[in-house]
């Protein structure tokens, strides 16, 4: 902790009294200063889904159908492509274990990655069908796959190398968020709901309606305020109290949202929208939110990851292509404060 001089101590009450207004103004300024600063051509064929970041290693993981692309977040250089995936959807990272885990939608399994060598070292079979979103739960050291076709969760013990439980859900699961204390929340896309799972007992505790939110996809969580942020197909962001399921806010965002992320330092929430924009929302307090700006990106840039150490946003996009034809000009976009 930095020691304060006597003069600095005298100034603290004055600074503290002015801090709410100045902090909000500073946050608004930071949001308006976000811009897309880099375009890195990556190329290659195939669709894509979730992005994940290992901030300490400066690695961005892109689930790219039959492989996972690994990009250096500092240079934008494609480091390697990890092959052998079967319609990869997402990559859950456990850097402390030196492992990553890829959900294979067509394989009904999870590929295990060595984060040191950036190679696939095996597969974990599950009973669930079409695993989509995937999450590493730090509270239990278990993996959870959200299985879109079987409407359930597969709980995997990666040390034992097997599925140890399944949790039935009321509908099709989309993205999930964890408080790292044994509580996991999941959007239920086809029922406009959010569910609360206890990962210690592997039981569903609550099912809450997401009012005026159609087909929720991306989900983020603020542990300080216990607020959940769901982005919805009808151009809305629903804010939910994670302690009781009460909806506290509903905001307008861009068209075609698929991912959302929260920056705990700046208190900004970012929704990446397939129309080619990022909606930037400020958390004023637990129950009040302000749409600050809409940042142009590129059409199809719908998935996103945030590096909380640099506050940079990473998105991928490609040029329009007729259905059934390969994508063209697959590109990594970086948005940051400037």
C-alpha atoms as a PDB file:
ATOM      1  CA  UNK A   1       0.000   0.000   0.000  1.00  0.00           C
ATOM      2  CA  UNK A   2       1.300   3.446  -0.903  1.00  0.00           C
ATOM      3  CA  UNK A   3       1.868   5.724   2.106  1.00  0.00           C
ATOM      4  CA  UNK A   4       0.075   9.057   2.051  1.00  0.00           C
ATOM      5  CA  UNK A   5       1.645  12.367   2.970  1.00  0.00           C
ATOM      6  CA  UNK A   6      -0.155  14.529   5.580  1.00  0.00           C
ATOM      7  CA  UNK A   7      -1.308  16.865   2.806  1.00  0.00           C
ATOM      8  CA  UNK A   8      -2.743  13.956   0.866  1.00  0.00           C
ATOM      9  CA  UNK A   9      -4.599  12.801   3.976  1.00  0.00           C
ATOM     10  CA  UNK A  10      -6.174  16.222   4.369  1.00  0.00           C
ATOM     11  CA  UNK A  11      -7.344  16.153   0.770  1.00  0.00           C
ATOM     12  CA  UNK A  12      -9.018  12.741   0.961  1.00  0.00           C
ATOM     13  CA  UNK A  13     -12.435  13.917   2.305  1.00  0.00           C
ATOM     14  CA  UNK A  14     -12.728  16.524  -0.445  1.00  0.00           C
ATOM     15  CA  UNK A  15     -11.761  14.013  -3.143  1.00  0.00           C
ATOM     16  CA  UNK A  16     -14.132  11.407  -1.760  1.00  0.00           C
ATOM     17  CA  UNK A  17     -17.063  13.834  -1.702  1.00  0.00           C
ATOM     18  CA  UNK A  18     -16.551  14.626  -5.377  1.00  0.00           C
ATOM     19  CA  UNK A  19     -15.706  11.101  -6.483  1.00  0.00           C
ATOM     20  CA  UNK A  20     -19.177   9.794  -7.539  1.00  0.00           C
ATOM     21  CA  UNK A  21     -19.659  12.530 -10.135  1.00  0.00           C
ATOM     22  CA  UNK A  22     -16.060  12.585 -11.297  1.00  0.00           C
ATOM     23  CA  UNK A  23     -15.912   8.788 -11.479  1.00  0.00           C
ATOM     24  CA  UNK A  24     -19.051   8.637 -13.638  1.00  0.00           C
ATOM     25  CA  UNK A  25     -17.730  11.372 -15.893  1.00  0.00           C
ATOM     26  CA  UNK A  26     -14.407   9.567 -16.247  1.00  0.00           C
ATOM     27  CA  UNK A  27     -16.178   6.296 -17.067  1.00  0.00           C
ATOM     28  CA  UNK A  28     -18.324   8.015 -19.678  1.00  0.00           C
ATOM     29  CA  UNK A  29     -15.229   9.536 -21.218  1.00  0.00           C
ATOM     30  CA  UNK A  30     -13.505   6.164 -21.370  1.00  0.00           C
ATOM     31  CA  UNK A  31     -16.523   4.607 -23.051  1.00  0.00           C
ATOM     32  CA  UNK A  32     -16.724   7.331 -25.675  1.00  0.00           C
ATOM     33  CA  UNK A  33     -12.994   6.883 -26.334  1.00  0.00           C
ATOM     34  CA  UNK A  34     -13.317   3.208 -27.278  1.00  0.00           C
ATOM     35  CA  UNK A  35     -12.505   2.550 -30.916  1.00  0.00           C
ATOM     36  CA  UNK A  36     -11.495  -0.339 -33.148  1.00  0.00           C
ATOM     37  CA  UNK A  37      -7.746   0.165 -33.415  1.00  0.00           C
ATOM     38  CA  UNK A  38      -6.542  -3.036 -35.077  1.00  0.00           C
ATOM     39  CA  UNK A  39      -7.625  -5.449 -37.792  1.00  0.00           C
ATOM     40  CA  UNK A  40      -5.569  -8.646 -37.969  1.00  0.00           C
ATOM     41  CA  UNK A  41      -6.262 -10.948 -40.943  1.00  0.00           C
ATOM     42  CA  UNK A  42      -6.425 -14.573 -39.805  1.00  0.00           C
ATOM     43  CA  UNK A  43      -8.048 -16.254 -42.808  1.00  0.00           C
ATOM     44  CA  UNK A  44      -9.148 -19.853 -43.027  1.00  0.00           C
ATOM     45  CA  UNK A  45     -12.474 -21.523 -43.634  1.00  0.00           C
ATOM     46  CA  UNK A  46     -15.196 -22.558 -41.237  1.00  0.00           C
ATOM     47  CA  UNK A  47     -17.590 -20.873 -38.886  1.00  0.00           C
ATOM     48  CA  UNK A  48     -16.762 -19.744 -35.363  1.00  0.00           C
ATOM     49  CA  UNK A  49     -18.295 -19.352 -31.938  1.00  0.00           C
ATOM     50  CA  UNK A  50     -17.018 -18.279 -28.508  1.00  0.00           C
ATOM     51  CA  UNK A  51     -13.738 -16.522 -27.757  1.00  0.00           C
ATOM     52  CA  UNK A  52     -11.708 -17.014 -24.562  1.00  0.00           C
ATOM     53  CA  UNK A  53      -8.628 -15.218 -23.208  1.00  0.00           C
ATOM     54  CA  UNK A  54      -5.700 -16.409 -21.116  1.00  0.00           C
ATOM     55  CA  UNK A  55      -4.585 -12.892 -20.139  1.00  0.00           C
ATOM     56  CA  UNK A  56      -1.366 -13.908 -18.393  1.00  0.00           C
ATOM     57  CA  UNK A  57      -0.158 -15.878 -21.417  1.00  0.00           C
ATOM     58  CA  UNK A  58      -1.500 -13.299 -23.930  1.00  0.00           C
ATOM     59  CA  UNK A  59      -3.403 -16.049 -25.734  1.00  0.00           C
ATOM     60  CA  UNK A  60      -6.785 -15.677 -27.415  1.00  0.00           C
ATOM     61  CA  UNK A  61      -8.627 -18.931 -28.173  1.00  0.00           C
ATOM     62  CA  UNK A  62     -11.142 -18.959 -31.040  1.00  0.00           C
ATOM     63  CA  UNK A  63     -13.470 -21.958 -31.400  1.00  0.00           C
ATOM     64  CA  UNK A  64     -13.414 -22.515 -35.167  1.00  0.00           C
ATOM     65  CA  UNK A  65     -15.483 -25.589 -36.057  1.00  0.00           C
ATOM     66  CA  UNK A  66     -12.871 -28.318 -36.643  1.00  0.00           C
ATOM     67  CA  UNK A  67     -10.066 -26.591 -34.728  1.00  0.00           C
ATOM     68  CA  UNK A  68      -9.149 -23.976 -32.157  1.00  0.00           C
ATOM     69  CA  UNK A  69      -7.136 -20.978 -33.317  1.00  0.00           C
ATOM     70  CA  UNK A  70      -4.670 -19.511 -30.811  1.00  0.00           C
ATOM     71  CA  UNK A  71      -3.685 -15.875 -31.373  1.00  0.00           C
ATOM     72  CA  UNK A  72      -1.119 -13.705 -29.597  1.00  0.00           C
ATOM     73  CA  UNK A  73      -3.162 -10.836 -28.144  1.00  0.00           C
ATOM     74  CA  UNK A  74      -0.203  -8.450 -28.256  1.00  0.00           C
ATOM     75  CA  UNK A  75       0.795  -8.918 -31.894  1.00  0.00           C
ATOM     76  CA  UNK A  76      -2.356 -10.356 -33.471  1.00  0.00           C
ATOM     77  CA  UNK A  77      -0.244 -13.197 -34.852  1.00  0.00           C
ATOM     78  CA  UNK A  78      -1.793 -16.620 -35.327  1.00  0.00           C
ATOM     79  CA  UNK A  79       0.384 -18.860 -33.154  1.00  0.00           C
ATOM     80  CA  UNK A  80      -1.126 -22.242 -33.937  1.00  0.00           C
ATOM     81  CA  UNK A  81      -4.299 -24.134 -34.798  1.00  0.00           C
ATOM     82  CA  UNK A  82      -5.232 -27.077 -32.603  1.00  0.00           C
ATOM     83  CA  UNK A  83      -6.963 -29.623 -34.821  1.00  0.00           C
ATOM     84  CA  UNK A  84      -9.263 -32.555 -34.114  1.00  0.00           C
ATOM     85  CA  UNK A  85     -12.354 -30.671 -32.966  1.00  0.00           C
ATOM     86  CA  UNK A  86     -15.879 -31.638 -33.986  1.00  0.00           C
ATOM     87  CA  UNK A  87     -17.878 -28.424 -34.364  1.00  0.00           C
ATOM     88  CA  UNK A  88     -16.147 -26.628 -31.494  1.00  0.00           C
ATOM     89  CA  UNK A  89     -18.306 -24.121 -29.630  1.00  0.00           C
ATOM     90  CA  UNK A  90     -16.292 -22.833 -26.696  1.00  0.00           C
ATOM     91  CA  UNK A  91     -13.042 -23.079 -24.749  1.00  0.00           C
ATOM     92  CA  UNK A  92     -13.045 -23.099 -20.940  1.00  0.00           C
ATOM     93  CA  UNK A  93      -9.693 -22.217 -19.426  1.00  0.00           C
ATOM     94  CA  UNK A  94      -8.105 -23.377 -16.180  1.00  0.00           C
ATOM     95  CA  UNK A  95      -4.687 -21.663 -16.333  1.00  0.00           C
ATOM     96  CA  UNK A  96      -3.774 -22.749 -12.827  1.00  0.00           C
ATOM     97  CA  UNK A  97      -4.134 -26.358 -13.982  1.00  0.00           C
ATOM     98  CA  UNK A  98      -2.418 -25.625 -17.326  1.00  0.00           C
ATOM     99  CA  UNK A  99      -5.501 -26.972 -19.070  1.00  0.00           C
ATOM    100  CA  UNK A 100      -8.156 -25.842 -21.512  1.00  0.00           C
ATOM    101  CA  UNK A 101     -11.366 -27.651 -22.444  1.00  0.00           C
ATOM    102  CA  UNK A 102     -13.232 -27.476 -25.757  1.00  0.00           C
ATOM    103  CA  UNK A 103     -16.912 -28.362 -26.196  1.00  0.00           C
ATOM    104  CA  UNK A 104     -17.429 -30.423 -29.358  1.00  0.00           C
ATOM    105  CA  UNK A 105     -21.039 -30.080 -30.464  1.00  0.00           C
ATOM    106  CA  UNK A 106     -20.994 -32.901 -32.987  1.00  0.00           C
ATOM    107  CA  UNK A 107     -18.654 -35.157 -31.051  1.00  0.00           C
ATOM    108  CA  UNK A 108     -20.638 -35.023 -27.804  1.00  0.00           C
ATOM    109  CA  UNK A 109     -17.346 -34.797 -25.958  1.00  0.00           C
ATOM    110  CA  UNK A 110     -14.800 -32.353 -24.585  1.00  0.00           C
ATOM    111  CA  UNK A 111     -11.263 -32.009 -25.923  1.00  0.00           C
ATOM    112  CA  UNK A 112      -8.525 -31.437 -23.337  1.00  0.00           C
ATOM    113  CA  UNK A 113      -5.816 -28.909 -24.216  1.00  0.00           C
ATOM    114  CA  UNK A 114      -2.369 -28.524 -22.698  1.00  0.00           C
ATOM    115  CA  UNK A 115      -2.012 -24.744 -22.303  1.00  0.00           C
ATOM    116  CA  UNK A 116       1.786 -24.976 -22.187  1.00  0.00           C
ATOM    117  CA  UNK A 117       2.250 -26.874 -25.451  1.00  0.00           C
ATOM    118  CA  UNK A 118      -1.016 -25.708 -27.081  1.00  0.00           C
ATOM    119  CA  UNK A 119      -1.825 -29.265 -28.106  1.00  0.00           C
ATOM    120  CA  UNK A 120      -4.825 -31.538 -27.671  1.00  0.00           C
ATOM    121  CA  UNK A 121      -4.080 -34.368 -25.234  1.00  0.00           C
ATOM    122  CA  UNK A 122      -7.348 -36.298 -25.166  1.00  0.00           C
ATOM    123  CA  UNK A 123     -11.129 -36.291 -25.063  1.00  0.00           C
ATOM    124  CA  UNK A 124     -13.705 -36.637 -22.296  1.00  0.00           C
ATOM    125  CA  UNK A 125     -16.940 -38.374 -23.289  1.00  0.00           C
ATOM    126  CA  UNK A 126     -20.298 -37.065 -22.057  1.00  0.00           C
ATOM    127  CA  UNK A 127     -23.861 -38.329 -22.254  1.00  0.00           C
ATOM    128  CA  UNK A 128     -25.253 -34.886 -23.105  1.00  0.00           C
ATOM    129  CA  UNK A 129     -26.060 -34.012 -26.700  1.00  0.00           C
ATOM    130  CA  UNK A 130     -24.601 -31.012 -28.545  1.00  0.00           C
ATOM    131  CA  UNK A 131     -22.468 -29.413 -25.822  1.00  0.00           C
ATOM    132  CA  UNK A 132     -22.325 -25.685 -26.528  1.00  0.00           C
ATOM    133  CA  UNK A 133     -21.211 -23.250 -23.825  1.00  0.00           C
ATOM    134  CA  UNK A 134     -18.613 -24.650 -21.433  1.00  0.00           C
ATOM    135  CA  UNK A 135     -17.475 -23.398 -18.041  1.00  0.00           C
ATOM    136  CA  UNK A 136     -14.740 -24.336 -15.573  1.00  0.00           C
ATOM    137  CA  UNK A 137     -16.134 -24.012 -12.053  1.00  0.00           C
ATOM    138  CA  UNK A 138     -13.365 -22.884  -9.695  1.00  0.00           C
ATOM    139  CA  UNK A 139     -15.434 -23.719  -6.602  1.00  0.00           C
ATOM    140  CA  UNK A 140     -15.517 -27.446  -7.371  1.00  0.00           C
ATOM    141  CA  UNK A 141     -12.795 -27.848 -10.035  1.00  0.00           C
ATOM    142  CA  UNK A 142     -15.444 -29.383 -12.249  1.00  0.00           C
ATOM    143  CA  UNK A 143     -16.352 -28.711 -15.874  1.00  0.00           C
ATOM    144  CA  UNK A 144     -19.892 -27.912 -16.937  1.00  0.00           C
ATOM    145  CA  UNK A 145     -21.114 -28.252 -20.513  1.00  0.00           C
ATOM    146  CA  UNK A 146     -24.454 -26.719 -21.509  1.00  0.00           C
ATOM    147  CA  UNK A 147     -26.003 -29.320 -23.799  1.00  0.00           C
ATOM    148  CA  UNK A 148     -28.299 -27.687 -26.338  1.00  0.00           C
ATOM    149  CA  UNK A 149     -30.001 -30.783 -27.733  1.00  0.00           C
ATOM    150  CA  UNK A 150     -30.550 -32.752 -24.524  1.00  0.00           C
ATOM    151  CA  UNK A 151     -31.503 -29.681 -22.425  1.00  0.00           C
ATOM    152  CA  UNK A 152     -29.166 -30.517 -19.585  1.00  0.00           C
ATOM    153  CA  UNK A 153     -25.728 -29.942 -18.089  1.00  0.00           C
ATOM    154  CA  UNK A 154     -22.953 -32.510 -18.021  1.00  0.00           C
ATOM    155  CA  UNK A 155     -20.780 -32.217 -14.910  1.00  0.00           C
ATOM    156  CA  UNK A 156     -17.267 -33.531 -15.508  1.00  0.00           C
ATOM    157  CA  UNK A 157     -14.491 -34.283 -13.054  1.00  0.00           C
ATOM    158  CA  UNK A 158     -11.434 -33.559 -15.224  1.00  0.00           C
ATOM    159  CA  UNK A 159      -9.067 -35.273 -12.781  1.00  0.00           C
ATOM    160  CA  UNK A 160     -11.081 -38.494 -12.855  1.00  0.00           C
ATOM    161  CA  UNK A 161     -11.587 -37.930 -16.581  1.00  0.00           C
ATOM    162  CA  UNK A 162     -15.303 -38.648 -16.638  1.00  0.00           C
ATOM    163  CA  UNK A 163     -18.804 -37.271 -16.389  1.00  0.00           C
ATOM    164  CA  UNK A 164     -20.012 -37.552 -12.790  1.00  0.00           C
ATOM    165  CA  UNK A 165     -23.504 -36.054 -12.975  1.00  0.00           C
ATOM    166  CA  UNK A 166     -26.122 -34.471 -15.220  1.00  0.00           C
ATOM    167  CA  UNK A 167     -28.505 -31.659 -14.316  1.00  0.00           C
ATOM    168  CA  UNK A 168     -31.842 -31.434 -16.136  1.00  0.00           C
ATOM    169  CA  UNK A 169     -32.860 -27.981 -17.367  1.00  0.00           C
ATOM    170  CA  UNK A 170     -36.258 -26.561 -18.380  1.00  0.00           C
ATOM    171  CA  UNK A 171     -35.099 -25.762 -21.922  1.00  0.00           C
ATOM    172  CA  UNK A 172     -32.145 -25.098 -24.203  1.00  0.00           C
ATOM    173  CA  UNK A 173     -29.135 -23.688 -22.342  1.00  0.00           C
ATOM    174  CA  UNK A 174     -27.025 -20.887 -23.752  1.00  0.00           C
ATOM    175  CA  UNK A 175     -24.153 -19.050 -22.065  1.00  0.00           C
ATOM    176  CA  UNK A 176     -23.339 -19.489 -18.368  1.00  0.00           C
ATOM    177  CA  UNK A 177     -21.683 -17.364 -15.667  1.00  0.00           C
ATOM    178  CA  UNK A 178     -20.225 -18.308 -12.289  1.00  0.00           C
ATOM    179  CA  UNK A 179     -19.608 -16.493  -9.000  1.00  0.00           C
ATOM    180  CA  UNK A 180     -16.718 -18.920  -8.272  1.00  0.00           C
ATOM    181  CA  UNK A 181     -18.425 -19.846  -5.000  1.00  0.00           C
ATOM    182  CA  UNK A 182     -20.609 -22.670  -6.282  1.00  0.00           C
ATOM    183  CA  UNK A 183     -23.367 -20.671  -7.963  1.00  0.00           C
ATOM    184  CA  UNK A 184     -23.720 -20.892 -11.735  1.00  0.00           C
ATOM    185  CA  UNK A 185     -26.336 -19.041 -13.776  1.00  0.00           C
ATOM    186  CA  UNK A 186     -27.449 -20.044 -17.280  1.00  0.00           C
ATOM    187  CA  UNK A 187     -29.654 -18.403 -19.896  1.00  0.00           C
ATOM    188  CA  UNK A 188     -32.408 -20.692 -21.193  1.00  0.00           C
ATOM    189  CA  UNK A 189     -32.767 -19.539 -24.770  1.00  0.00           C
ATOM    190  CA  UNK A 190     -36.074 -21.070 -25.850  1.00  0.00           C
ATOM    191  CA  UNK A 191     -37.952 -20.285 -22.628  1.00  0.00           C
ATOM    192  CA  UNK A 192     -36.701 -16.722 -21.962  1.00  0.00           C
ATOM    193  CA  UNK A 193     -35.486 -17.762 -18.542  1.00  0.00           C
ATOM    194  CA  UNK A 194     -32.391 -17.810 -16.377  1.00  0.00           C
ATOM    195  CA  UNK A 195     -31.606 -20.666 -14.004  1.00  0.00           C
ATOM    196  CA  UNK A 196     -29.502 -20.903 -10.848  1.00  0.00           C
ATOM    197  CA  UNK A 197     -27.428 -24.041 -10.266  1.00  0.00           C
ATOM    198  CA  UNK A 198     -25.642 -25.128  -7.076  1.00  0.00           C
ATOM    199  CA  UNK A 199     -22.433 -26.821  -8.249  1.00  0.00           C
ATOM    200  CA  UNK A 200     -21.700 -28.334  -4.824  1.00  0.00           C
ATOM    201  CA  UNK A 201     -24.906 -30.400  -4.907  1.00  0.00           C
ATOM    202  CA  UNK A 202     -25.312 -30.362  -8.732  1.00  0.00           C
ATOM    203  CA  UNK A 203     -28.919 -29.287  -8.357  1.00  0.00           C
ATOM    204  CA  UNK A 204     -31.107 -26.673 -10.006  1.00  0.00           C
ATOM    205  CA  UNK A 205     -32.200 -24.247  -7.297  1.00  0.00           C
ATOM    206  CA  UNK A 206     -34.207 -21.579  -9.123  1.00  0.00           C
ATOM    207  CA  UNK A 207     -35.800 -20.794 -12.466  1.00  0.00           C
ATOM    208  CA  UNK A 208     -36.520 -17.127 -13.133  1.00  0.00           C
ATOM    209  CA  UNK A 209     -38.365 -15.460 -16.008  1.00  0.00           C
ATOM    210  CA  UNK A 210     -36.501 -12.917 -18.131  1.00  0.00           C
ATOM    211  CA  UNK A 211     -39.265 -10.418 -18.765  1.00  0.00           C
ATOM    212  CA  UNK A 212     -39.238  -8.721 -22.195  1.00  0.00           C
ATOM    213  CA  UNK A 213     -36.103 -10.642 -23.178  1.00  0.00           C
ATOM    214  CA  UNK A 214     -36.428 -12.851 -26.266  1.00  0.00           C
ATOM    215  CA  UNK A 215     -33.947 -15.698 -26.830  1.00  0.00           C
ATOM    216  CA  UNK A 216     -31.257 -14.731 -24.294  1.00  0.00           C
ATOM    217  CA  UNK A 217     -27.765 -15.715 -25.422  1.00  0.00           C
ATOM    218  CA  UNK A 218     -24.719 -14.003 -23.855  1.00  0.00           C
ATOM    219  CA  UNK A 219     -24.463 -13.699 -20.083  1.00  0.00           C
ATOM    220  CA  UNK A 220     -22.070 -11.788 -17.784  1.00  0.00           C
ATOM    221  CA  UNK A 221     -21.888 -11.296 -14.021  1.00  0.00           C
ATOM    222  CA  UNK A 222     -20.806  -8.561 -11.605  1.00  0.00           C
ATOM    223  CA  UNK A 223     -19.817 -10.237  -8.350  1.00  0.00           C
ATOM    224  CA  UNK A 224     -19.684  -6.922  -6.439  1.00  0.00           C
ATOM    225  CA  UNK A 225     -23.326  -6.009  -7.083  1.00  0.00           C
ATOM    226  CA  UNK A 226     -24.588  -9.563  -7.681  1.00  0.00           C
ATOM    227  CA  UNK A 227     -26.051  -8.553 -11.022  1.00  0.00           C
ATOM    228  CA  UNK A 228     -26.454 -10.695 -14.138  1.00  0.00           C
ATOM    229  CA  UNK A 229     -26.480  -9.225 -17.646  1.00  0.00           C
ATOM    230  CA  UNK A 230     -28.363 -11.159 -20.344  1.00  0.00           C
ATOM    231  CA  UNK A 231     -28.417 -10.001 -23.964  1.00  0.00           C
ATOM    232  CA  UNK A 232     -31.524 -10.759 -25.951  1.00  0.00           C
ATOM    233  CA  UNK A 233     -32.536 -11.105 -29.609  1.00  0.00           C
ATOM    234  CA  UNK A 234     -35.091  -8.282 -29.346  1.00  0.00           C
ATOM    235  CA  UNK A 235     -32.271  -5.752 -28.854  1.00  0.00           C
ATOM    236  CA  UNK A 236     -32.514  -5.707 -25.065  1.00  0.00           C
ATOM    237  CA  UNK A 237     -30.146  -6.247 -22.167  1.00  0.00           C
ATOM    238  CA  UNK A 238     -31.877  -7.616 -19.076  1.00  0.00           C
ATOM    239  CA  UNK A 239     -30.267  -7.002 -15.678  1.00  0.00           C
ATOM    240  CA  UNK A 240     -31.169  -9.540 -12.991  1.00  0.00           C
ATOM    241  CA  UNK A 241     -30.521  -9.617  -9.241  1.00  0.00           C
ATOM    242  CA  UNK A 242     -28.660 -12.913  -8.789  1.00  0.00           C
ATOM    243  CA  UNK A 243     -29.846 -13.227  -5.188  1.00  0.00           C
ATOM    244  CA  UNK A 244     -33.564 -13.407  -5.962  1.00  0.00           C
ATOM    245  CA  UNK A 245     -34.129 -13.368  -9.743  1.00  0.00           C
ATOM    246  CA  UNK A 246     -35.756  -9.918  -9.729  1.00  0.00           C
ATOM    247  CA  UNK A 247     -35.246  -7.934 -12.924  1.00  0.00           C
ATOM    248  CA  UNK A 248     -33.857  -4.515 -12.024  1.00  0.00           C
ATOM    249  CA  UNK A 249     -33.299  -2.963 -15.457  1.00  0.00           C
ATOM    250  CA  UNK A 250     -33.955  -3.416 -19.164  1.00  0.00           C
ATOM    251  CA  UNK A 251     -31.865  -1.506 -21.703  1.00  0.00           C
ATOM    252  CA  UNK A 252     -31.864  -1.013 -25.448  1.00  0.00           C
ATOM    253  CA  UNK A 253     -28.843  -2.455 -27.276  1.00  0.00           C
ATOM    254  CA  UNK A 254     -27.882  -3.265 -30.866  1.00  0.00           C
ATOM    255  CA  UNK A 255     -29.299  -5.894 -33.209  1.00  0.00           C
ATOM    256  CA  UNK A 256     -28.122  -9.490 -33.146  1.00  0.00           C
ATOM    257  CA  UNK A 257     -26.317  -9.649 -29.764  1.00  0.00           C
ATOM    258  CA  UNK A 258     -24.515 -12.886 -28.968  1.00  0.00           C
ATOM    259  CA  UNK A 259     -21.928 -12.077 -26.300  1.00  0.00           C
ATOM    260  CA  UNK A 260     -21.686  -9.744 -23.330  1.00  0.00           C
ATOM    261  CA  UNK A 261     -18.848  -9.039 -20.935  1.00  0.00           C
ATOM    262  CA  UNK A 262     -18.357  -6.923 -17.819  1.00  0.00           C
ATOM    263  CA  UNK A 263     -15.264  -4.947 -16.832  1.00  0.00           C
ATOM    264  CA  UNK A 264     -15.188  -4.793 -13.011  1.00  0.00           C
ATOM    265  CA  UNK A 265     -12.715  -1.916 -12.931  1.00  0.00           C
ATOM    266  CA  UNK A 266     -14.463   0.497 -15.283  1.00  0.00           C
ATOM    267  CA  UNK A 267     -17.978  -0.793 -14.457  1.00  0.00           C
ATOM    268  CA  UNK A 268     -18.711  -1.008 -18.175  1.00  0.00           C
ATOM    269  CA  UNK A 269     -20.794  -3.711 -19.833  1.00  0.00           C
ATOM    270  CA  UNK A 270     -20.154  -4.512 -23.503  1.00  0.00           C
ATOM    271  CA  UNK A 271     -22.632  -6.260 -25.806  1.00  0.00           C
ATOM    272  CA  UNK A 272     -21.240  -7.409 -29.167  1.00  0.00           C
ATOM    273  CA  UNK A 273     -23.925  -7.276 -31.841  1.00  0.00           C
ATOM    274  CA  UNK A 274     -23.944  -9.122 -35.159  1.00  0.00           C
ATOM    275  CA  UNK A 275     -25.181  -5.988 -36.948  1.00  0.00           C
ATOM    276  CA  UNK A 276     -21.639  -4.644 -36.517  1.00  0.00           C
ATOM    277  CA  UNK A 277     -21.614  -2.762 -33.226  1.00  0.00           C
ATOM    278  CA  UNK A 278     -20.782  -2.879 -29.538  1.00  0.00           C
ATOM    279  CA  UNK A 279     -23.310  -1.400 -27.123  1.00  0.00           C
ATOM    280  CA  UNK A 280     -21.432   0.133 -24.168  1.00  0.00           C
ATOM    281  CA  UNK A 281     -23.449   0.372 -20.955  1.00  0.00           C
ATOM    282  CA  UNK A 282     -22.337   1.920 -17.665  1.00  0.00           C
ATOM    283  CA  UNK A 283     -23.338   0.439 -14.305  1.00  0.00           C
ATOM    284  CA  UNK A 284     -24.226   3.580 -12.302  1.00  0.00           C
ATOM    285  CA  UNK A 285     -25.137   1.464  -9.285  1.00  0.00           C
ATOM    286  CA  UNK A 286     -26.663  -1.964  -8.724  1.00  0.00           C
ATOM    287  CA  UNK A 287     -30.063  -0.985 -10.100  1.00  0.00           C
ATOM    288  CA  UNK A 288     -29.332   1.866 -12.514  1.00  0.00           C
ATOM    289  CA  UNK A 289     -27.642   1.684 -15.920  1.00  0.00           C
ATOM    290  CA  UNK A 290     -26.927   4.054 -18.779  1.00  0.00           C
ATOM    291  CA  UNK A 291     -26.311   3.278 -22.447  1.00  0.00           C
ATOM    292  CA  UNK A 292     -23.240   5.431 -23.093  1.00  0.00           C
ATOM    293  CA  UNK A 293     -22.384   4.791 -26.720  1.00  0.00           C
ATOM    294  CA  UNK A 294     -22.578   2.451 -29.690  1.00  0.00           C
ATOM    295  CA  UNK A 295     -19.235   1.550 -31.203  1.00  0.00           C
ATOM    296  CA  UNK A 296     -19.180   0.526 -34.899  1.00  0.00           C
ATOM    297  CA  UNK A 297     -17.274  -2.733 -35.524  1.00  0.00           C
ATOM    298  CA  UNK A 298     -17.972  -5.015 -38.489  1.00  0.00           C
ATOM    299  CA  UNK A 299     -21.012  -6.962 -39.532  1.00  0.00           C
ATOM    300  CA  UNK A 300     -20.924 -10.515 -38.119  1.00  0.00           C
ATOM    301  CA  UNK A 301     -18.643  -9.525 -35.191  1.00  0.00           C
ATOM    302  CA  UNK A 302     -21.007 -11.094 -32.700  1.00  0.00           C
ATOM    303  CA  UNK A 303     -18.697 -12.938 -30.274  1.00  0.00           C
ATOM    304  CA  UNK A 304     -16.213 -11.197 -28.022  1.00  0.00           C
ATOM    305  CA  UNK A 305     -13.723 -11.541 -25.178  1.00  0.00           C
ATOM    306  CA  UNK A 306     -12.401  -8.935 -22.746  1.00  0.00           C
ATOM    307  CA  UNK A 307      -8.863  -8.787 -21.401  1.00  0.00           C
ATOM    308  CA  UNK A 308      -9.490  -7.271 -17.959  1.00  0.00           C
ATOM    309  CA  UNK A 309      -5.794  -6.438 -17.525  1.00  0.00           C
ATOM    310  CA  UNK A 310      -5.600  -4.208 -20.608  1.00  0.00           C
ATOM    311  CA  UNK A 311      -9.345  -3.483 -21.012  1.00  0.00           C
ATOM    312  CA  UNK A 312      -9.070  -4.443 -24.682  1.00  0.00           C
ATOM    313  CA  UNK A 313     -11.960  -6.131 -26.479  1.00  0.00           C
ATOM    314  CA  UNK A 314     -11.361  -8.858 -29.047  1.00  0.00           C
ATOM    315  CA  UNK A 315     -13.906  -9.768 -31.733  1.00  0.00           C
ATOM    316  CA  UNK A 316     -13.825 -11.788 -34.957  1.00  0.00           C
ATOM    317  CA  UNK A 317     -15.725 -11.239 -38.177  1.00  0.00           C
ATOM    318  CA  UNK A 318     -15.822 -12.268 -41.811  1.00  0.00           C
ATOM    319  CA  UNK A 319     -17.270 -10.900 -45.027  1.00  0.00           C
ATOM    320  CA  UNK A 320     -20.778 -11.881 -46.022  1.00  0.00           C
ATOM    321  CA  UNK A 321     -20.915 -15.164 -47.898  1.00  0.00           C
ATOM    322  CA  UNK A 322     -23.866 -17.069 -49.362  1.00  0.00           C
ATOM    323  CA  UNK A 323     -25.144 -19.858 -47.140  1.00  0.00           C
ATOM    324  CA  UNK A 324     -23.153 -23.036 -47.668  1.00  0.00           C
ATOM    325  CA  UNK A 325     -20.054 -21.290 -49.008  1.00  0.00           C
ATOM    326  CA  UNK A 326     -16.787 -20.739 -47.091  1.00  0.00           C
ATOM    327  CA  UNK A 327     -16.367 -17.531 -45.143  1.00  0.00           C
ATOM    328  CA  UNK A 328     -13.945 -14.979 -46.551  1.00  0.00           C
ATOM    329  CA  UNK A 329     -11.465 -12.587 -44.943  1.00  0.00           C
ATOM    330  CA  UNK A 330     -11.787 -13.910 -41.405  1.00  0.00           C
ATOM    331  CA  UNK A 331     -10.374 -11.106 -39.240  1.00  0.00           C
ATOM    332  CA  UNK A 332      -9.591 -10.321 -35.611  1.00  0.00           C
ATOM    333  CA  UNK A 333     -10.703  -6.886 -34.428  1.00  0.00           C
ATOM    334  CA  UNK A 334      -9.298  -5.147 -31.355  1.00  0.00           C
ATOM    335  CA  UNK A 335     -11.208  -2.337 -29.656  1.00  0.00           C
ATOM    336  CA  UNK A 336      -9.594  -0.255 -26.930  1.00  0.00           C
ATOM    337  CA  UNK A 337      -9.484   3.143 -25.292  1.00  0.00           C
ATOM    338  CA  UNK A 338      -7.466   5.643 -27.277  1.00  0.00           C
END
